[in-house]
Protein backbone atom coordinates (compact mmCIF):
# COMPACT_ATOMS: atom_id res chain seq x y z
CA MET A 1 -14.77 -18.17 23.21
CA PRO A 2 -14.15 -15.08 20.93
CA ILE A 3 -13.08 -15.28 17.38
CA SER A 4 -9.73 -12.76 16.64
CA PRO A 5 -9.01 -11.56 13.02
CA PRO A 6 -5.90 -13.85 11.65
CA THR A 7 -2.67 -13.16 12.84
CA THR A 8 -0.21 -15.14 10.16
CA ASN A 9 0.04 -15.96 6.30
CA ILE A 10 -1.25 -19.70 6.87
CA GLU A 11 -4.32 -18.06 8.35
CA ILE A 12 -4.96 -15.87 5.94
CA ILE A 13 -4.56 -18.66 3.00
CA SER A 14 -6.60 -21.11 5.12
CA GLN A 15 -9.55 -19.16 4.98
CA ALA A 16 -8.85 -18.07 1.25
CA ALA A 17 -8.96 -21.80 0.93
CA VAL A 18 -12.48 -21.90 2.95
CA LEU A 19 -13.89 -19.86 0.26
CA CYS A 20 -12.64 -21.46 -2.70
CA GLY A 21 -14.76 -24.88 -0.93
CA LYS A 22 -11.31 -26.56 0.34
CA GLN A 23 -10.37 -27.52 3.93
CA LYS A 24 -8.92 -25.54 6.48
CA PHE A 25 -5.57 -26.30 7.84
CA ASN A 26 -3.23 -25.17 10.14
CA THR A 27 0.35 -25.62 8.18
CA ILE A 28 1.28 -25.48 4.75
CA THR A 29 2.19 -29.17 4.67
CA ALA A 30 -1.70 -30.38 5.73
CA GLY A 31 -2.96 -27.66 3.31
CA GLY A 32 -1.14 -29.67 0.25
CA PRO A 33 -0.81 -27.97 -3.14
CA PHE A 34 -3.27 -25.26 -2.51
CA ALA A 35 -1.53 -24.07 0.68
CA GLU A 36 1.94 -23.83 -1.54
CA ALA A 37 0.62 -22.25 -4.18
CA GLY A 38 -1.32 -19.60 -1.75
CA GLN A 39 1.93 -19.45 0.20
CA ASP A 40 4.06 -18.65 -3.44
CA LEU A 41 1.51 -15.94 -4.13
CA PHE A 42 0.98 -14.53 -0.98
CA ASN A 43 4.20 -12.60 -0.45
CA THR A 44 3.85 -10.90 -3.56
CA LEU A 45 0.42 -10.19 -3.65
CA VAL A 46 0.60 -8.28 -0.02
CA SER A 47 3.90 -6.37 -1.35
CA ALA A 48 1.87 -5.53 -4.92
CA GLU A 49 -0.89 -4.08 -2.88
CA LEU A 50 0.96 -2.34 -0.80
CA GLY A 51 3.36 -0.88 -3.23
CA SER A 52 0.51 0.56 -5.05
CA ASN A 53 -1.92 2.39 -2.59
CA ARG A 54 -1.55 4.83 0.22
CA TRP A 55 -2.78 2.23 2.94
CA ARG A 56 -1.76 4.52 6.52
CA PHE A 57 -1.56 1.52 8.59
CA ALA A 58 1.73 0.27 6.74
CA GLN A 59 3.17 4.08 6.25
CA VAL A 60 6.43 4.74 8.23
CA SER A 61 8.61 7.39 8.22
CA GLN A 62 12.38 7.46 8.82
CA SER A 63 15.56 10.05 8.77
CA ILE A 64 17.63 9.68 6.12
CA ALA A 65 20.89 12.03 6.96
CA SER A 66 23.23 10.72 4.80
CA LEU A 67 24.11 12.87 1.35
CA THR A 68 26.58 12.19 -1.52
CA THR A 69 27.09 14.39 -4.12
CA LEU A 70 26.04 13.29 -7.17
CA THR A 71 28.94 12.43 -9.69
CA PRO A 72 28.19 13.48 -12.62
CA THR A 73 25.33 15.85 -12.06
CA PHE A 74 22.70 15.45 -14.57
CA ASP A 75 19.17 17.84 -15.40
CA ILE A 76 18.94 19.61 -12.10
CA TRP A 77 19.81 16.63 -9.77
CA GLU A 78 23.46 17.33 -7.61
CA TYR A 79 22.95 15.29 -4.80
CA TYR A 80 21.55 11.48 -3.78
CA TRP A 81 20.65 10.44 -0.76
CA GLU A 82 19.85 5.95 -0.18
CA LEU A 83 16.75 5.12 -0.06
CA PRO A 84 15.18 2.58 2.93
CA ALA A 85 16.05 -0.89 2.34
CA ASP A 86 12.13 -1.75 2.93
CA LEU A 87 10.52 0.64 1.00
CA LEU A 88 7.69 -0.41 -1.28
CA MET A 89 6.28 2.63 -2.62
CA LEU A 90 7.27 6.60 -1.87
CA THR A 91 4.60 8.95 -0.45
CA ARG A 92 6.17 12.06 0.56
CA VAL A 93 9.08 13.64 1.81
CA ASP A 94 9.46 16.43 4.83
CA PRO A 95 10.32 18.79 4.54
CA MET A 96 8.77 19.46 0.81
CA ILE A 97 11.69 20.12 -1.76
CA ARG A 98 11.87 18.91 -5.26
CA TYR A 99 13.08 15.32 -5.85
CA THR A 100 13.05 12.40 -7.90
CA VAL A 101 13.03 8.40 -7.04
CA PHE A 102 15.99 6.90 -9.25
CA GLY A 103 16.51 3.40 -8.82
CA ASN A 104 17.06 2.99 -5.05
CA ARG A 105 17.99 6.29 -4.45
CA LEU A 106 16.41 9.59 -3.65
CA LEU A 107 17.97 12.37 -6.02
CA THR A 108 17.67 16.32 -4.92
CA SER A 109 19.03 19.38 -5.93
CA SER A 110 19.34 20.91 -2.20
CA ASN A 111 21.48 19.34 -0.01
CA GLN A 112 19.13 20.30 3.10
CA THR A 113 19.75 17.62 5.78
CA PRO A 114 18.02 15.86 7.57
CA LEU A 115 15.40 14.39 5.50
CA THR A 116 12.42 12.40 6.19
CA VAL A 117 11.05 9.84 3.75
CA ILE A 118 7.45 8.89 4.70
CA TYR A 119 6.87 5.63 2.66
CA LEU A 120 5.25 2.22 2.53
CA LYS A 121 6.82 -0.97 3.56
CA ASN A 122 5.57 -4.73 3.96
CA VAL A 123 3.66 -5.47 7.56
CA PRO A 124 2.98 -8.85 9.95
CA VAL A 125 -0.61 -9.81 9.25
CA SER A 126 -1.11 -9.18 12.95
CA LYS A 127 -1.00 -5.34 12.02
CA TRP A 128 -3.29 -5.71 9.26
CA PRO A 129 -6.64 -4.04 9.86
CA PRO A 130 -9.61 -6.73 9.64
CA PRO A 131 -11.13 -5.06 6.21
CA PHE A 132 -7.47 -4.98 4.67
CA SER A 133 -6.99 -9.10 6.21
CA MET A 134 -11.00 -9.88 4.63
CA TYR A 135 -9.61 -8.01 1.10
CA ILE A 136 -6.64 -10.09 0.93
CA ILE A 137 -8.31 -13.06 1.90
CA TYR A 138 -11.23 -12.65 -0.75
CA GLU A 139 -8.14 -11.80 -3.62
CA LEU A 140 -6.18 -14.34 -2.88
CA ALA A 141 -9.03 -16.96 -3.21
CA TYR A 142 -10.20 -15.19 -6.50
CA LEU A 143 -6.25 -15.58 -7.82
CA LEU A 144 -6.27 -19.41 -6.82
CA ALA A 145 -9.86 -20.18 -7.66
CA MET A 146 -9.41 -19.81 -11.36
CA SER A 147 -7.07 -23.21 -11.07
CA VAL A 148 -8.97 -25.18 -8.43
CA THR A 149 -12.51 -24.72 -9.52
CA ASN A 150 -14.46 -25.34 -12.45
CA SER A 151 -17.26 -23.15 -11.12
CA ASP A 152 -17.34 -19.88 -13.02
CA ARG A 153 -20.47 -18.89 -10.53
CA MET A 154 -17.72 -19.38 -7.65
CA VAL A 155 -15.07 -17.10 -9.40
CA SER A 156 -17.84 -14.48 -9.53
CA ARG A 157 -19.00 -14.34 -6.13
CA ILE A 158 -15.56 -14.03 -4.82
CA ALA A 159 -14.72 -11.56 -7.17
CA SER A 160 -17.75 -9.57 -5.87
CA GLY A 161 -16.76 -10.05 -2.31
CA ARG A 162 -13.30 -9.04 -3.11
CA ASP A 163 -14.45 -6.16 -4.81
CA LEU A 164 -16.75 -4.99 -1.27
CA TRP A 165 -13.98 -5.76 0.91
CA HIS A 166 -11.65 -3.72 -1.03
CA SER A 167 -14.05 -0.75 -1.26
CA ARG A 168 -14.44 -1.06 2.75
CA ALA A 169 -10.86 -1.10 3.38
CA LEU A 170 -10.23 1.56 1.68
CA PHE A 171 -12.86 3.19 3.46
CA ALA A 172 -11.70 2.51 6.98
CA ASP A 173 -8.50 3.69 6.13
CA SER A 174 -9.41 6.66 4.95
CA GLN A 175 -10.89 7.26 8.52
CA SER A 176 -7.01 7.18 10.23
CA SER A 177 -6.66 10.92 9.15
CA PRO A 178 -9.26 13.70 10.19
CA GLN A 179 -10.82 15.72 7.10
CA ARG A 180 -8.85 18.83 6.30
CA THR A 181 -10.38 21.86 4.92
CA ILE A 182 -9.26 23.47 1.61
CA ARG A 183 -6.57 26.17 2.60
CA SER A 184 -5.37 26.89 -0.67
CA GLN A 185 -7.81 28.51 -3.29
CA PRO A 186 -5.51 30.24 -6.06
CA TRP A 187 -8.76 30.08 -8.91
CA ILE A 188 -11.12 32.22 -6.33
CA THR A 189 -8.21 34.69 -4.97
CA ALA A 190 -7.42 35.38 -8.51
CA ARG A 191 -10.83 35.86 -9.46
CA TYR A 192 -11.68 38.19 -6.42
CA LYS A 193 -8.75 39.97 -7.09
CA GLY A 194 -9.41 41.16 -10.43
CA ILE A 195 -12.78 42.58 -9.27
CA SER A 196 -11.25 44.28 -6.70
CA ARG A 197 -9.23 46.28 -8.92
CA GLY A 198 -12.31 47.17 -10.61
CA ASN A 199 -11.74 44.26 -13.37
CA ARG A 200 -14.84 42.55 -14.44
């Protein structure tokens, strides 16, 4: 029978429990205090991770066409746009214009419409790449192990596994986009422009 990657929060928490020397479980109730603590930490941990790194699998795009004049204006900002409610971290605005994030609004000095925002949001466990699942399992186990075990050696081993799977998850995620050559070479261009004019 093939073994599939975890697809639910409970499966992630259960596998973290196994790393900490606990029995696996199918429900939070069956997992007892450990599972309850894992459930409490899970959403915070995942939201914090997805909102602090540019994980491509969690990126989405959305057009925002609702524009409002900023009254009163300040600095160079004259307009604001409401950001998506599920946004964890904004990564890019298309087309590229000057902007700043202020609370839950995007401030701009241009009234160009529509704008497309590329951002990170929470995605269900079933949509996670396997290396990211392993990283979260180890990270959750590490956070819980500090309170459920007296073994510094176990905590250290879990920390090593966490670091390993974090790097593997980052590598796997980076393969989601082809490498691009550097098209802009301002320093080289400026250097050779001077030579062409007879300057050394």
